[in-house]
Amino acid sequence: MTAIRDFGRLPELLVAELVRTALLEDVGSGDVTSVATIPAESGSMARMVAREPMVICGLALACEAFRQCDPSVSVDSKCHDGQKVQRGEVLLQVEGSTRAVLAGERVALNFLQRLSGVATITAKYVQALEGTSAQLLDTRKTTPGWRVLEKFAVRCGGGKNHRHGLYDMVLVKDNHLTALAGEQPNAVTAAVRRARAAYPHLRVEIEADTLEQAGQAAEAGADIVLLDNMSLDQLRTAVASFKGRVQLEASGGVTLETIHAIGQTGVDFVSVGAITHSARAVDIGLDFVEPAEGLPS
């Protein structure tokens, strides 16, 4: 078993509210199929099983889905968030009202499959960066309403969180600089000075489309320069010219095939939007245990 690492915790109130909303959307006024076909007194045991290798994330949400359907349901996690599991491993076991198990099944799976998908692809990118000094960062390209969840999944996969929103870091992008065109001595320096004056307690990052802009950002005292869509040669030049004066982040079109070479240039960070906006839901199934195994029918 993989050692448990500290990824922080998902806020309990957020978990409860997101699950409540998801169940309202899916179950609504009631699961008419189960009410029509399954006796109210029927009890069952079921197991969530990994159908492919993956990194787990979202167990708290899956467990909450069953408990909100029926607080008397017993849910037993067999692994932990951030754990790598193989095909066929049991992730959690649920026992209680058959109707409750069936009502919570899809919501529990949706959370667990999606978030484990983010954690799993993140782990692949982190592995691809091994042998370099660069760290993997996520972006704000997340599912609306799920940002805290997906950034938690990134941590479970071994990645690091970039800013959580527009409020916790100054990141001056190309459109900001375009709006500042004509400022003296240049748009980049003007942006850094204004950011420092307005929010002295926040880090300041500048997106640079050119090495000239990167140099201006380093000279102006930015904390980080985002080297956007630059070639490997440009990244190496930036590292040789500016590393030590400012942290360097590479971004734009990064893939599993290209990230190692990008990390080898010496940049401090590589940010990848795909780990959240394009993560594939992993394959997890909920299998009912046959009554022959000693369960109530």
C-alpha atoms as a PDB file:
ATOM      1  CA  MET A   1       0.000   0.000   0.000  1.00  0.00           C
ATOM      2  CA  THR A   2       1.209   3.492  -0.846  1.00  0.00           C
ATOM      3  CA  ALA A   3       2.060   5.622   2.180  1.00  0.00           C
ATOM      4  CA  ILE A   4      -0.564   8.220   3.012  1.00  0.00           C
ATOM      5  CA  ARG A   5       0.602  11.719   2.089  1.00  0.00           C
ATOM      6  CA  ASP A   6      -0.888  14.976   3.335  1.00  0.00           C
ATOM      7  CA  PHE A   7      -2.849  16.633   0.537  1.00  0.00           C
ATOM      8  CA  GLY A   8      -4.970  18.729   2.873  1.00  0.00           C
ATOM      9  CA  ARG A   9      -8.671  18.027   3.275  1.00  0.00           C
ATOM     10  CA  LEU A  10     -11.770  18.867   1.332  1.00  0.00           C
ATOM     11  CA  PRO A  11     -14.076  21.112   3.401  1.00  0.00           C
ATOM     12  CA  GLU A  12     -16.835  18.956   4.878  1.00  0.00           C
ATOM     13  CA  LEU A  13     -19.525  21.545   4.238  1.00  0.00           C
ATOM     14  CA  LEU A  14     -18.502  21.797   0.592  1.00  0.00           C
ATOM     15  CA  VAL A  15     -18.563  18.019   0.203  1.00  0.00           C
ATOM     16  CA  ALA A  16     -22.018  17.803   1.742  1.00  0.00           C
ATOM     17  CA  GLU A  17     -23.408  20.640  -0.380  1.00  0.00           C
ATOM     18  CA  LEU A  18     -21.986  19.367  -3.671  1.00  0.00           C
ATOM     19  CA  VAL A  19     -23.300  15.876  -3.001  1.00  0.00           C
ATOM     20  CA  ARG A  20     -26.695  17.257  -1.991  1.00  0.00           C
ATOM     21  CA  THR A  21     -26.898  19.216  -5.241  1.00  0.00           C
ATOM     22  CA  ALA A  22     -25.826  16.211  -7.303  1.00  0.00           C
ATOM     23  CA  LEU A  23     -28.398  13.937  -5.652  1.00  0.00           C
ATOM     24  CA  LEU A  24     -31.134  16.510  -6.166  1.00  0.00           C
ATOM     25  CA  GLU A  25     -30.213  16.610  -9.844  1.00  0.00           C
ATOM     26  CA  ASP A  26     -30.092  12.812 -10.224  1.00  0.00           C
ATOM     27  CA  VAL A  27     -32.593  11.387  -7.727  1.00  0.00           C
ATOM     28  CA  GLY A  28     -34.974  14.338  -7.590  1.00  0.00           C
ATOM     29  CA  SER A  29     -38.245  13.313  -5.970  1.00  0.00           C
ATOM     30  CA  GLY A  30     -37.224   9.660  -5.858  1.00  0.00           C
ATOM     31  CA  ASP A  31     -35.702   6.710  -7.703  1.00  0.00           C
ATOM     32  CA  VAL A  32     -38.889   5.465  -9.349  1.00  0.00           C
ATOM     33  CA  THR A  33     -37.261   2.323 -10.762  1.00  0.00           C
ATOM     34  CA  SER A  34     -36.042   1.082  -7.395  1.00  0.00           C
ATOM     35  CA  VAL A  35     -39.222   2.118  -5.579  1.00  0.00           C
ATOM     36  CA  ALA A  36     -41.257   0.154  -8.121  1.00  0.00           C
ATOM     37  CA  THR A  37     -39.105  -2.981  -8.169  1.00  0.00           C
ATOM     38  CA  ILE A  38     -37.111  -3.296  -4.936  1.00  0.00           C
ATOM     39  CA  PRO A  39     -38.849  -4.089  -1.616  1.00  0.00           C
ATOM     40  CA  ALA A  40     -38.273  -1.383   0.983  1.00  0.00           C
ATOM     41  CA  GLU A  41     -36.812  -3.895   3.439  1.00  0.00           C
ATOM     42  CA  SER A  42     -34.257  -5.294   0.969  1.00  0.00           C
ATOM     43  CA  GLY A  43     -30.603  -5.047   1.980  1.00  0.00           C
ATOM     44  CA  SER A  44     -27.471  -5.469  -0.119  1.00  0.00           C
ATOM     45  CA  MET A  45     -23.716  -5.193  -0.114  1.00  0.00           C
ATOM     46  CA  ALA A  46     -21.808  -3.706  -3.041  1.00  0.00           C
ATOM     47  CA  ARG A  47     -18.193  -2.968  -3.788  1.00  0.00           C
ATOM     48  CA  MET A  48     -16.641  -0.246  -5.907  1.00  0.00           C
ATOM     49  CA  VAL A  49     -13.894  -1.819  -7.968  1.00  0.00           C
ATOM     50  CA  ALA A  50     -11.142  -0.275 -10.098  1.00  0.00           C
ATOM     51  CA  ARG A  51     -11.345  -1.555 -13.658  1.00  0.00           C
ATOM     52  CA  GLU A  52      -7.984  -0.069 -14.635  1.00  0.00           C
ATOM     53  CA  PRO A  53      -4.876   1.225 -12.830  1.00  0.00           C
ATOM     54  CA  MET A  54      -5.461   4.673 -11.311  1.00  0.00           C
ATOM     55  CA  VAL A  55      -4.710   7.170  -8.554  1.00  0.00           C
ATOM     56  CA  ILE A  56      -7.682   7.516  -6.232  1.00  0.00           C
ATOM     57  CA  CYS A  57      -9.386  10.790  -5.380  1.00  0.00           C
ATOM     58  CA  GLY A  58     -12.878  11.646  -4.182  1.00  0.00           C
ATOM     59  CA  LEU A  59     -13.629   8.968  -1.626  1.00  0.00           C
ATOM     60  CA  ALA A  60     -15.232  11.426   0.794  1.00  0.00           C
ATOM     61  CA  LEU A  61     -17.753  12.472  -1.858  1.00  0.00           C
ATOM     62  CA  ALA A  62     -18.543   8.891  -2.822  1.00  0.00           C
ATOM     63  CA  CYS A  63     -19.132   7.921   0.804  1.00  0.00           C
ATOM     64  CA  GLU A  64     -21.250  11.033   1.404  1.00  0.00           C
ATOM     65  CA  ALA A  65     -23.483  10.172  -1.558  1.00  0.00           C
ATOM     66  CA  PHE A  66     -24.537   6.867  -0.015  1.00  0.00           C
ATOM     67  CA  ARG A  67     -24.903   8.324   3.485  1.00  0.00           C
ATOM     68  CA  GLN A  68     -27.136  11.132   2.296  1.00  0.00           C
ATOM     69  CA  CYS A  69     -29.391   8.562   0.640  1.00  0.00           C
ATOM     70  CA  ASP A  70     -29.661   6.697   3.946  1.00  0.00           C
ATOM     71  CA  PRO A  71     -27.641   7.606   7.080  1.00  0.00           C
ATOM     72  CA  SER A  72     -27.855   4.001   8.283  1.00  0.00           C
ATOM     73  CA  VAL A  73     -25.870   2.721   5.288  1.00  0.00           C
ATOM     74  CA  SER A  74     -22.405   1.430   6.216  1.00  0.00           C
ATOM     75  CA  VAL A  75     -19.602   2.652   3.959  1.00  0.00           C
ATOM     76  CA  ASP A  76     -16.070   1.308   4.371  1.00  0.00           C
ATOM     77  CA  SER A  77     -13.212   2.794   2.329  1.00  0.00           C
ATOM     78  CA  LYS A  78     -10.606   0.208   1.366  1.00  0.00           C
ATOM     79  CA  CYS A  79      -8.015   2.720   0.145  1.00  0.00           C
ATOM     80  CA  HIS A  80      -7.206   6.406   0.547  1.00  0.00           C
ATOM     81  CA  ASP A  81      -7.007   9.478  -1.655  1.00  0.00           C
ATOM     82  CA  GLY A  82      -3.676   9.676  -3.447  1.00  0.00           C
ATOM     83  CA  GLN A  83      -3.187   5.910  -3.426  1.00  0.00           C
ATOM     84  CA  LYS A  84      -2.224   4.126  -6.627  1.00  0.00           C
ATOM     85  CA  VAL A  85      -4.382   1.049  -7.170  1.00  0.00           C
ATOM     86  CA  GLN A  86      -4.413  -1.688  -9.765  1.00  0.00           C
ATOM     87  CA  ARG A  87      -7.206  -3.171 -11.842  1.00  0.00           C
ATOM     88  CA  GLY A  88      -9.500  -5.322  -9.706  1.00  0.00           C
ATOM     89  CA  GLU A  89      -8.790  -3.651  -6.364  1.00  0.00           C
ATOM     90  CA  VAL A  90     -11.760  -2.850  -4.137  1.00  0.00           C
ATOM     91  CA  LEU A  91     -12.006   0.870  -3.402  1.00  0.00           C
ATOM     92  CA  LEU A  92     -14.919   0.919  -0.989  1.00  0.00           C
ATOM     93  CA  GLN A  93     -17.671  -1.339   0.295  1.00  0.00           C
ATOM     94  CA  VAL A  94     -21.207  -0.239   1.019  1.00  0.00           C
ATOM     95  CA  GLU A  95     -23.858  -2.205   2.902  1.00  0.00           C
ATOM     96  CA  GLY A  96     -27.440  -1.359   3.756  1.00  0.00           C
ATOM     97  CA  SER A  97     -30.711  -0.524   2.055  1.00  0.00           C
ATOM     98  CA  THR A  98     -30.655  -1.748  -1.540  1.00  0.00           C
ATOM     99  CA  ARG A  99     -32.685   1.273  -2.605  1.00  0.00           C
ATOM    100  CA  ALA A 100     -30.172   3.640  -0.993  1.00  0.00           C
ATOM    101  CA  VAL A 101     -27.212   1.885  -2.595  1.00  0.00           C
ATOM    102  CA  LEU A 102     -28.829   2.111  -6.018  1.00  0.00           C
ATOM    103  CA  ALA A 103     -29.860   5.738  -5.517  1.00  0.00           C
ATOM    104  CA  GLY A 104     -26.363   6.832  -4.566  1.00  0.00           C
ATOM    105  CA  GLU A 105     -24.476   4.723  -7.098  1.00  0.00           C
ATOM    106  CA  ARG A 106     -24.232   7.108 -10.044  1.00  0.00           C
ATOM    107  CA  VAL A 107     -23.467  10.246  -8.034  1.00  0.00           C
ATOM    108  CA  ALA A 108     -20.785   8.398  -6.057  1.00  0.00           C
ATOM    109  CA  LEU A 109     -19.245   7.041  -9.257  1.00  0.00           C
ATOM    110  CA  ASN A 110     -19.378  10.386 -11.050  1.00  0.00           C
ATOM    111  CA  PHE A 111     -17.375  12.099  -8.320  1.00  0.00           C
ATOM    112  CA  LEU A 112     -14.895   9.261  -7.889  1.00  0.00           C
ATOM    113  CA  GLN A 113     -14.337   8.562 -11.590  1.00  0.00           C
ATOM    114  CA  ARG A 114     -13.868  12.200 -12.536  1.00  0.00           C
ATOM    115  CA  LEU A 115     -11.577  13.172  -9.660  1.00  0.00           C
ATOM    116  CA  SER A 116      -9.549   9.973  -9.882  1.00  0.00           C
ATOM    117  CA  GLY A 117      -9.161  10.747 -13.568  1.00  0.00           C
ATOM    118  CA  VAL A 118      -7.624  14.129 -12.731  1.00  0.00           C
ATOM    119  CA  ALA A 119      -5.331  12.564 -10.115  1.00  0.00           C
ATOM    120  CA  THR A 120      -4.302   9.802 -12.506  1.00  0.00           C
ATOM    121  CA  ILE A 121      -3.339  12.035 -15.441  1.00  0.00           C
ATOM    122  CA  THR A 122      -1.583  14.403 -13.029  1.00  0.00           C
ATOM    123  CA  ALA A 123       0.528  11.508 -11.751  1.00  0.00           C
ATOM    124  CA  LYS A 124       1.516  10.658 -15.331  1.00  0.00           C
ATOM    125  CA  TYR A 125       2.722  14.213 -15.953  1.00  0.00           C
ATOM    126  CA  VAL A 126       4.598  14.234 -12.650  1.00  0.00           C
ATOM    127  CA  GLN A 127       6.272  10.959 -13.600  1.00  0.00           C
ATOM    128  CA  ALA A 128       7.198  12.384 -17.005  1.00  0.00           C
ATOM    129  CA  LEU A 129       8.987  15.267 -15.227  1.00  0.00           C
ATOM    130  CA  GLU A 130      11.156  12.940 -13.135  1.00  0.00           C
ATOM    131  CA  GLY A 131      14.839  13.612 -13.591  1.00  0.00           C
ATOM    132  CA  THR A 132      14.284  17.363 -13.872  1.00  0.00           C
ATOM    133  CA  SER A 133      13.982  20.022 -11.169  1.00  0.00           C
ATOM    134  CA  ALA A 134      10.686  21.387 -12.505  1.00  0.00           C
ATOM    135  CA  GLN A 135       7.380  21.094 -10.652  1.00  0.00           C
ATOM    136  CA  LEU A 136       4.005  20.521 -12.292  1.00  0.00           C
ATOM    137  CA  LEU A 137       1.379  23.242 -11.803  1.00  0.00           C
ATOM    138  CA  ASP A 138      -2.335  23.258 -12.585  1.00  0.00           C
ATOM    139  CA  THR A 139      -4.353  26.193 -13.971  1.00  0.00           C
ATOM    140  CA  ARG A 140      -7.770  27.830 -13.588  1.00  0.00           C
ATOM    141  CA  LYS A 141      -9.113  25.686 -16.432  1.00  0.00           C
ATOM    142  CA  THR A 142     -11.419  23.731 -14.157  1.00  0.00           C
ATOM    143  CA  THR A 143     -15.038  22.598 -14.168  1.00  0.00           C
ATOM    144  CA  PRO A 144     -17.206  25.461 -12.828  1.00  0.00           C
ATOM    145  CA  GLY A 145     -18.107  24.766  -9.211  1.00  0.00           C
ATOM    146  CA  TRP A 146     -15.527  21.965  -8.930  1.00  0.00           C
ATOM    147  CA  ARG A 147     -12.294  23.972  -8.652  1.00  0.00           C
ATOM    148  CA  VAL A 148     -11.562  23.029  -5.050  1.00  0.00           C
ATOM    149  CA  LEU A 149     -12.219  19.378  -5.896  1.00  0.00           C
ATOM    150  CA  GLU A 150     -10.092  19.297  -9.029  1.00  0.00           C
ATOM    151  CA  LYS A 151      -7.209  21.171  -7.439  1.00  0.00           C
ATOM    152  CA  PHE A 152      -7.363  18.682  -4.565  1.00  0.00           C
ATOM    153  CA  ALA A 153      -7.194  15.899  -7.168  1.00  0.00           C
ATOM    154  CA  VAL A 154      -4.094  17.522  -8.667  1.00  0.00           C
ATOM    155  CA  ARG A 155      -2.430  17.399  -5.242  1.00  0.00           C
ATOM    156  CA  CYS A 156      -3.433  13.752  -4.878  1.00  0.00           C
ATOM    157  CA  GLY A 157      -1.677  13.073  -8.173  1.00  0.00           C
ATOM    158  CA  GLY A 158       1.517  14.748  -6.995  1.00  0.00           C
ATOM    159  CA  GLY A 159       1.090  18.126  -8.722  1.00  0.00           C
ATOM    160  CA  LYS A 160       1.128  21.593  -7.200  1.00  0.00           C
ATOM    161  CA  ASN A 161      -1.637  24.190  -7.229  1.00  0.00           C
ATOM    162  CA  HIS A 162      -1.123  27.478  -9.030  1.00  0.00           C
ATOM    163  CA  ARG A 163      -3.388  30.350  -7.962  1.00  0.00           C
ATOM    164  CA  HIS A 164      -6.891  29.308  -6.931  1.00  0.00           C
ATOM    165  CA  GLY A 165      -8.585  32.317  -8.462  1.00  0.00           C
ATOM    166  CA  LEU A 166      -8.256  35.925  -9.478  1.00  0.00           C
ATOM    167  CA  TYR A 167      -8.006  36.970  -5.826  1.00  0.00           C
ATOM    168  CA  ASP A 168      -4.903  35.250  -4.442  1.00  0.00           C
ATOM    169  CA  MET A 169      -2.169  36.183  -6.909  1.00  0.00           C
ATOM    170  CA  VAL A 170      -1.474  38.900  -9.469  1.00  0.00           C
ATOM    171  CA  LEU A 171      -0.964  37.353 -12.909  1.00  0.00           C
ATOM    172  CA  VAL A 172      -0.577  39.935 -15.660  1.00  0.00           C
ATOM    173  CA  LYS A 173      -1.442  38.321 -18.992  1.00  0.00           C
ATOM    174  CA  ASP A 174      -1.163  39.417 -22.598  1.00  0.00           C
ATOM    175  CA  ASN A 175      -4.531  41.198 -22.607  1.00  0.00           C
ATOM    176  CA  HIS A 176      -3.540  43.202 -19.546  1.00  0.00           C
ATOM    177  CA  LEU A 177      -0.337  44.249 -21.271  1.00  0.00           C
ATOM    178  CA  THR A 178      -2.198  45.177 -24.434  1.00  0.00           C
ATOM    179  CA  ALA A 179      -4.458  47.423 -22.353  1.00  0.00           C
ATOM    180  CA  LEU A 180      -1.329  49.061 -20.911  1.00  0.00           C
ATOM    181  CA  ALA A 181       0.324  49.685 -24.271  1.00  0.00           C
ATOM    182  CA  GLY A 182       1.986  53.102 -24.300  1.00  0.00           C
ATOM    183  CA  GLU A 183       2.728  53.148 -20.580  1.00  0.00           C
ATOM    184  CA  GLN A 184       6.248  54.249 -19.633  1.00  0.00           C
ATOM    185  CA  PRO A 185       8.849  52.903 -19.523  1.00  0.00           C
ATOM    186  CA  ASN A 186       6.949  49.875 -20.824  1.00  0.00           C
ATOM    187  CA  ALA A 187       3.737  47.986 -20.120  1.00  0.00           C
ATOM    188  CA  VAL A 188       5.437  45.215 -18.132  1.00  0.00           C
ATOM    189  CA  THR A 189       7.227  47.558 -15.722  1.00  0.00           C
ATOM    190  CA  ALA A 190       4.099  49.661 -15.281  1.00  0.00           C
ATOM    191  CA  ALA A 191       2.064  46.544 -14.459  1.00  0.00           C
ATOM    192  CA  VAL A 192       4.563  45.293 -11.871  1.00  0.00           C
ATOM    193  CA  ARG A 193       4.779  48.692 -10.166  1.00  0.00           C
ATOM    194  CA  ARG A 194       1.006  49.051  -9.967  1.00  0.00           C
ATOM    195  CA  ALA A 195       0.565  45.512  -8.683  1.00  0.00           C
ATOM    196  CA  ARG A 196       3.150  46.030  -5.936  1.00  0.00           C
ATOM    197  CA  ALA A 197       1.496  49.275  -4.897  1.00  0.00           C
ATOM    198  CA  ALA A 198      -2.016  47.850  -4.818  1.00  0.00           C
ATOM    199  CA  TYR A 199      -1.308  44.381  -3.361  1.00  0.00           C
ATOM    200  CA  PRO A 200       2.120  44.358  -1.655  1.00  0.00           C
ATOM    201  CA  HIS A 201       1.335  41.046   0.083  1.00  0.00           C
ATOM    202  CA  LEU A 202       0.634  39.087  -3.120  1.00  0.00           C
ATOM    203  CA  ARG A 203       3.055  37.454  -5.527  1.00  0.00           C
ATOM    204  CA  VAL A 204       3.274  39.011  -8.971  1.00  0.00           C
ATOM    205  CA  GLU A 205       3.619  36.968 -12.138  1.00  0.00           C
ATOM    206  CA  ILE A 206       4.009  38.306 -15.670  1.00  0.00           C
ATOM    207  CA  GLU A 207       3.097  36.369 -18.801  1.00  0.00           C
ATOM    208  CA  ALA A 208       5.815  36.930 -21.391  1.00  0.00           C
ATOM    209  CA  ASP A 209       5.354  36.177 -25.079  1.00  0.00           C
ATOM    210  CA  THR A 210       8.922  37.262 -25.846  1.00  0.00           C
ATOM    211  CA  LEU A 211      12.318  37.124 -24.190  1.00  0.00           C
ATOM    212  CA  GLU A 212      12.296  40.927 -24.158  1.00  0.00           C
ATOM    213  CA  GLN A 213       9.154  40.937 -22.010  1.00  0.00           C
ATOM    214  CA  ALA A 214      10.707  38.281 -19.755  1.00  0.00           C
ATOM    215  CA  GLY A 215      13.722  40.520 -19.249  1.00  0.00           C
ATOM    216  CA  GLN A 216      11.520  43.498 -18.468  1.00  0.00           C
ATOM    217  CA  ALA A 217       9.632  41.442 -15.884  1.00  0.00           C
ATOM    218  CA  ALA A 218      12.829  40.258 -14.206  1.00  0.00           C
ATOM    219  CA  GLU A 219      14.210  43.793 -14.161  1.00  0.00           C
ATOM    220  CA  ALA A 220      10.968  45.174 -12.706  1.00  0.00           C
ATOM    221  CA  GLY A 221      11.087  42.697  -9.823  1.00  0.00           C
ATOM    222  CA  ALA A 222       8.316  40.243 -10.702  1.00  0.00           C
ATOM    223  CA  ASP A 223       8.271  37.045  -8.653  1.00  0.00           C
ATOM    224  CA  ILE A 224       7.538  34.722 -11.567  1.00  0.00           C
ATOM    225  CA  VAL A 225       7.689  34.987 -15.340  1.00  0.00           C
ATOM    226  CA  LEU A 226       5.344  32.783 -17.340  1.00  0.00           C
ATOM    227  CA  LEU A 227       7.125  31.887 -20.572  1.00  0.00           C
ATOM    228  CA  ASP A 228       4.194  31.385 -22.901  1.00  0.00           C
ATOM    229  CA  ASN A 229       4.460  29.030 -25.890  1.00  0.00           C
ATOM    230  CA  MET A 230       8.222  29.418 -26.145  1.00  0.00           C
ATOM    231  CA  SER A 231      10.506  26.987 -27.951  1.00  0.00           C
ATOM    232  CA  LEU A 232      13.017  24.862 -26.066  1.00  0.00           C
ATOM    233  CA  ASP A 233      15.819  27.146 -27.247  1.00  0.00           C
ATOM    234  CA  GLN A 234      13.948  30.205 -25.976  1.00  0.00           C
ATOM    235  CA  LEU A 235      13.323  28.493 -22.624  1.00  0.00           C
ATOM    236  CA  ARG A 236      17.025  27.659 -22.290  1.00  0.00           C
ATOM    237  CA  THR A 237      17.937  31.251 -23.083  1.00  0.00           C
ATOM    238  CA  ALA A 238      15.490  32.519 -20.473  1.00  0.00           C
ATOM    239  CA  VAL A 239      16.921  30.156 -17.862  1.00  0.00           C
ATOM    240  CA  ALA A 240      20.481  31.220 -18.667  1.00  0.00           C
ATOM    241  CA  SER A 241      19.540  34.903 -18.571  1.00  0.00           C
ATOM    242  CA  PHE A 242      17.052  35.239 -15.722  1.00  0.00           C
ATOM    243  CA  LYS A 243      17.050  32.232 -13.395  1.00  0.00           C
ATOM    244  CA  GLY A 244      18.055  33.251  -9.905  1.00  0.00           C
ATOM    245  CA  ARG A 245      16.535  36.697 -10.375  1.00  0.00           C
ATOM    246  CA  VAL A 246      13.005  35.409 -10.958  1.00  0.00           C
ATOM    247  CA  GLN A 247      11.223  32.060 -11.015  1.00  0.00           C
ATOM    248  CA  LEU A 248      10.360  30.740 -14.458  1.00  0.00           C
ATOM    249  CA  GLU A 249       7.206  28.926 -15.525  1.00  0.00           C
ATOM    250  CA  ALA A 250       6.752  27.294 -18.934  1.00  0.00           C
ATOM    251  CA  SER A 251       3.244  27.016 -20.319  1.00  0.00           C
ATOM    252  CA  GLY A 252       1.331  26.472 -23.527  1.00  0.00           C
ATOM    253  CA  GLY A 253       0.612  23.286 -25.466  1.00  0.00           C
ATOM    254  CA  VAL A 254       2.460  21.014 -23.046  1.00  0.00           C
ATOM    255  CA  THR A 255       1.878  17.282 -23.573  1.00  0.00           C
ATOM    256  CA  LEU A 256       3.073  14.074 -21.950  1.00  0.00           C
ATOM    257  CA  GLU A 257       5.454  13.682 -24.875  1.00  0.00           C
ATOM    258  CA  THR A 258       7.007  17.150 -24.536  1.00  0.00           C
ATOM    259  CA  ILE A 259       7.007  17.896 -20.813  1.00  0.00           C
ATOM    260  CA  HIS A 260      10.265  16.120 -19.946  1.00  0.00           C
ATOM    261  CA  ALA A 261      12.251  18.103 -22.496  1.00  0.00           C
ATOM    262  CA  ILE A 262      10.633  21.297 -21.201  1.00  0.00           C
ATOM    263  CA  GLY A 263      11.605  20.409 -17.644  1.00  0.00           C
ATOM    264  CA  GLN A 264      15.172  19.706 -18.752  1.00  0.00           C
ATOM    265  CA  THR A 265      15.596  23.345 -19.849  1.00  0.00           C
ATOM    266  CA  GLY A 266      15.858  24.315 -16.186  1.00  0.00           C
ATOM    267  CA  VAL A 267      12.549  26.121 -15.685  1.00  0.00           C
ATOM    268  CA  ASP A 268      11.107  26.017 -12.172  1.00  0.00           C
ATOM    269  CA  PHE A 269       7.534  25.132 -13.130  1.00  0.00           C
ATOM    270  CA  VAL A 270       5.542  23.693 -16.008  1.00  0.00           C
ATOM    271  CA  SER A 271       1.819  24.464 -16.000  1.00  0.00           C
ATOM    272  CA  VAL A 272      -0.633  22.186 -17.780  1.00  0.00           C
ATOM    273  CA  GLY A 273      -4.323  22.967 -18.257  1.00  0.00           C
ATOM    274  CA  ALA A 274      -5.056  19.519 -19.679  1.00  0.00           C
ATOM    275  CA  ILE A 275      -4.752  17.795 -16.301  1.00  0.00           C
ATOM    276  CA  THR A 276      -8.052  19.378 -15.298  1.00  0.00           C
ATOM    277  CA  HIS A 277      -9.898  20.451 -18.435  1.00  0.00           C
ATOM    278  CA  SER A 278      -9.213  17.288 -20.460  1.00  0.00           C
ATOM    279  CA  ALA A 279      -8.854  14.541 -17.867  1.00  0.00           C
ATOM    280  CA  ARG A 280     -10.613  11.308 -18.792  1.00  0.00           C
ATOM    281  CA  ALA A 281     -12.919   9.749 -16.222  1.00  0.00           C
ATOM    282  CA  VAL A 282     -11.367   6.469 -15.131  1.00  0.00           C
ATOM    283  CA  ASP A 283     -13.274   3.191 -15.196  1.00  0.00           C
ATOM    284  CA  ILE A 284     -14.766   2.224 -11.838  1.00  0.00           C
ATOM    285  CA  GLY A 285     -17.690  -0.144 -11.343  1.00  0.00           C
ATOM    286  CA  LEU A 286     -20.109  -0.838  -8.518  1.00  0.00           C
ATOM    287  CA  ASP A 287     -20.614  -4.586  -8.218  1.00  0.00           C
ATOM    288  CA  PHE A 288     -23.302  -6.093  -6.011  1.00  0.00           C
ATOM    289  CA  VAL A 289     -22.175  -9.073  -3.952  1.00  0.00           C
ATOM    290  CA  GLU A 290     -24.310 -12.156  -4.560  1.00  0.00           C
ATOM    291  CA  PRO A 291     -26.634 -13.220  -1.708  1.00  0.00           C
ATOM    292  CA  ALA A 292     -24.833 -16.566  -1.793  1.00  0.00           C
ATOM    293  CA  GLU A 293     -21.927 -14.861  -0.044  1.00  0.00           C
ATOM    294  CA  GLY A 294     -24.020 -14.547   3.088  1.00  0.00           C
ATOM    295  CA  LEU A 295     -25.766 -11.223   2.541  1.00  0.00           C
ATOM    296  CA  PRO A 296     -29.411 -10.397   3.165  1.00  0.00           C
ATOM    297  CA  SER A 297     -31.644 -10.936   0.162  1.00  0.00           C
END
